[in-house]
Amino acid sequence: MGETWNKKERQKKKMKEKMDKAEKMKERKENASKGKSLDSMMAYVDENGNISDTPPDPRKRKEFKLEDIEIGVPEYVPPTEAELTHSGKVTFFNHEKGFGFIKDLLTQQSIFVHINNLSAPVNENDKVTFEIGHGPKGPMAVNVKPA
């Protein structure tokens, strides 16, 4: 009995797949580069921390002393009174509601101030000294004194 058309098509398809597979394997063997040189496999890190295939410039090399390398958290040194005290200018103050803002003269940061943190009454454009504390919504001026 003769083969059906469907059976012949399946056999052709299988043979074609085998031939394609053999061809791909042969191509991989030809293009395989087992004997790559060490230089082609090397990667370097430049002075910015980026990976590069070119070696770094030896003139840009920096020497460090082992004693200068500190691993871990540095020892805590409490800030002095002068470092804690800031000077600023009252940019806005609402006496009815009891709050305002002070602009730090050094950082130009606007800092909230509440009437409870004032040692004496202040008005707009007054120069004051203060410390920065943490309020419920961010930095807050505390120990505010007229300058």
Protein backbone atom coordinates (compact mmCIF):
# COMPACT_ATOMS: atom_id res chain seq x y z
CA MET A 1 0.00 0.00 0.00
CA GLY A 2 1.30 3.48 -0.86
CA GLU A 3 2.13 6.31 1.53
CA THR A 4 -0.39 9.02 2.06
CA TRP A 5 0.32 12.62 1.15
CA ASN A 6 0.16 13.71 4.84
CA LYS A 7 2.76 11.14 5.88
CA LYS A 8 5.16 12.31 3.13
CA GLU A 9 4.79 15.93 4.25
CA ARG A 10 5.59 15.01 7.88
CA GLN A 11 8.71 13.11 6.78
CA LYS A 12 9.86 16.07 4.65
CA LYS A 13 9.32 18.41 7.58
CA LYS A 14 11.35 16.17 9.96
CA MET A 15 14.20 15.90 7.45
CA LYS A 16 14.25 19.66 6.97
CA GLU A 17 14.40 20.20 10.77
CA LYS A 18 17.30 17.70 11.06
CA MET A 19 19.19 19.46 8.27
CA ASP A 20 18.63 22.89 9.85
CA LYS A 21 19.81 21.61 13.22
CA ALA A 22 22.94 20.05 11.70
CA GLU A 23 23.66 23.28 9.79
CA LYS A 24 23.34 25.43 12.95
CA MET A 25 25.61 23.06 14.88
CA LYS A 26 28.24 23.22 12.14
CA GLU A 27 28.03 27.02 12.09
CA ARG A 28 28.46 27.23 15.89
CA LYS A 29 31.56 24.99 15.72
CA GLU A 30 33.11 27.14 13.01
CA ASN A 31 32.46 30.41 14.84
CA ALA A 32 33.42 29.13 18.28
CA SER A 33 36.46 30.90 19.64
CA LYS A 34 37.80 28.71 22.41
CA GLY A 35 41.23 30.24 22.25
CA LYS A 36 40.31 33.86 23.08
CA SER A 37 43.24 35.90 24.32
CA LEU A 38 43.37 37.16 27.89
CA ASP A 39 43.37 40.77 26.69
CA SER A 40 40.06 40.35 24.87
CA MET A 41 38.45 38.99 28.06
CA MET A 42 39.79 41.70 30.43
CA ALA A 43 37.59 44.49 31.78
CA TYR A 44 38.86 47.56 33.62
CA VAL A 45 37.28 50.10 35.93
CA ASP A 46 38.09 53.75 35.19
CA GLU A 47 38.45 56.60 37.71
CA ASN A 48 34.68 57.24 37.58
CA GLY A 49 33.77 53.61 38.35
CA ASN A 50 32.66 52.76 34.80
CA ILE A 51 33.63 49.43 33.20
CA SER A 52 35.86 49.86 30.16
CA ASP A 53 37.88 47.64 27.81
CA THR A 54 40.88 50.01 27.83
CA PRO A 55 43.35 49.94 30.74
CA PRO A 56 43.39 53.00 33.03
CA ASP A 57 46.00 55.73 32.62
CA PRO A 58 48.81 55.10 35.16
CA ARG A 59 49.37 58.87 35.51
CA LYS A 60 45.91 59.26 37.08
CA ARG A 61 46.66 56.66 39.75
CA LYS A 62 46.18 57.83 43.34
CA GLU A 63 47.97 56.42 46.36
CA PHE A 64 46.14 56.08 49.70
CA LYS A 65 47.56 55.31 53.11
CA LEU A 66 46.03 52.38 54.90
CA GLU A 67 45.56 54.50 58.05
CA ASP A 68 43.41 57.02 56.12
CA ILE A 69 40.78 54.40 55.21
CA GLU A 70 38.00 54.35 57.76
CA ILE A 71 35.58 51.45 57.70
CA GLY A 72 32.31 51.92 59.54
CA VAL A 73 30.60 54.90 61.10
CA PRO A 74 32.86 57.78 62.21
CA GLU A 75 32.90 58.68 65.88
CA TYR A 76 30.12 61.10 66.85
CA VAL A 77 31.32 64.59 67.71
CA PRO A 78 28.55 66.70 69.22
CA PRO A 79 28.09 70.10 67.52
CA THR A 80 29.19 73.22 69.38
CA GLU A 81 26.81 75.98 70.47
CA ALA A 82 28.03 78.20 67.62
CA GLU A 83 27.23 75.51 65.04
CA LEU A 84 23.72 75.03 66.40
CA THR A 85 22.83 78.75 66.48
CA HIS A 86 21.61 80.25 63.21
CA SER A 87 20.82 83.84 62.36
CA GLY A 88 17.93 84.93 60.21
CA LYS A 89 15.26 87.45 59.39
CA VAL A 90 11.54 87.17 60.12
CA THR A 91 9.83 87.23 56.72
CA PHE A 92 6.26 86.72 57.94
CA PHE A 93 4.57 86.59 61.34
CA ASN A 94 0.83 86.42 62.10
CA HIS A 95 0.28 87.51 65.73
CA GLU A 96 -3.38 86.43 65.70
CA LYS A 97 -2.62 82.85 64.68
CA GLY A 98 0.73 82.68 66.47
CA PHE A 99 3.08 81.49 63.74
CA GLY A 100 5.44 82.78 61.09
CA PHE A 101 8.52 82.07 59.03
CA ILE A 102 12.18 82.95 59.40
CA LYS A 103 14.58 83.01 56.45
CA ASP A 104 18.01 81.64 57.41
CA LEU A 105 20.65 84.16 56.27
CA LEU A 106 23.23 81.45 55.55
CA THR A 107 21.17 78.83 53.67
CA GLN A 108 18.23 81.04 52.55
CA GLN A 109 15.93 78.29 53.85
CA SER A 110 12.48 79.33 55.08
CA ILE A 111 11.85 77.85 58.55
CA PHE A 112 8.54 77.70 60.43
CA VAL A 113 8.37 79.37 63.86
CA HIS A 114 5.59 79.09 66.47
CA ILE A 115 4.83 81.76 69.09
CA ASN A 116 5.60 79.26 71.89
CA ASN A 117 9.25 79.11 70.73
CA LEU A 118 9.80 82.89 70.99
CA SER A 119 11.63 84.39 73.99
CA ALA A 120 10.45 87.92 73.10
CA PRO A 121 7.85 89.31 70.69
CA VAL A 122 9.00 89.67 67.08
CA ASN A 123 7.74 91.52 64.03
CA GLU A 124 8.36 91.17 60.32
CA ASN A 125 11.90 92.10 59.13
CA ASP A 126 13.38 91.62 62.65
CA LYS A 127 16.77 89.92 62.82
CA VAL A 128 16.78 86.90 65.14
CA THR A 129 19.00 84.04 66.29
CA PHE A 130 17.52 80.57 66.56
CA GLU A 131 18.17 76.85 66.61
CA ILE A 132 16.61 74.36 64.22
CA GLY A 133 14.51 71.59 65.72
CA HIS A 134 12.20 69.00 64.24
CA GLY A 135 8.51 69.81 64.17
CA PRO A 136 5.62 67.54 63.16
CA LYS A 137 5.83 68.73 59.52
CA GLY A 138 9.55 69.39 59.10
CA PRO A 139 12.20 71.79 60.40
CA MET A 140 11.07 74.30 63.00
CA ALA A 141 12.83 77.25 64.66
CA VAL A 142 13.23 76.90 68.44
CA ASN A 143 14.83 79.18 71.08
CA VAL A 144 14.17 82.24 68.91
CA LYS A 145 15.73 85.44 70.32
CA PRO A 146 15.93 88.92 68.82
CA ALA A 147 19.46 89.67 67.59
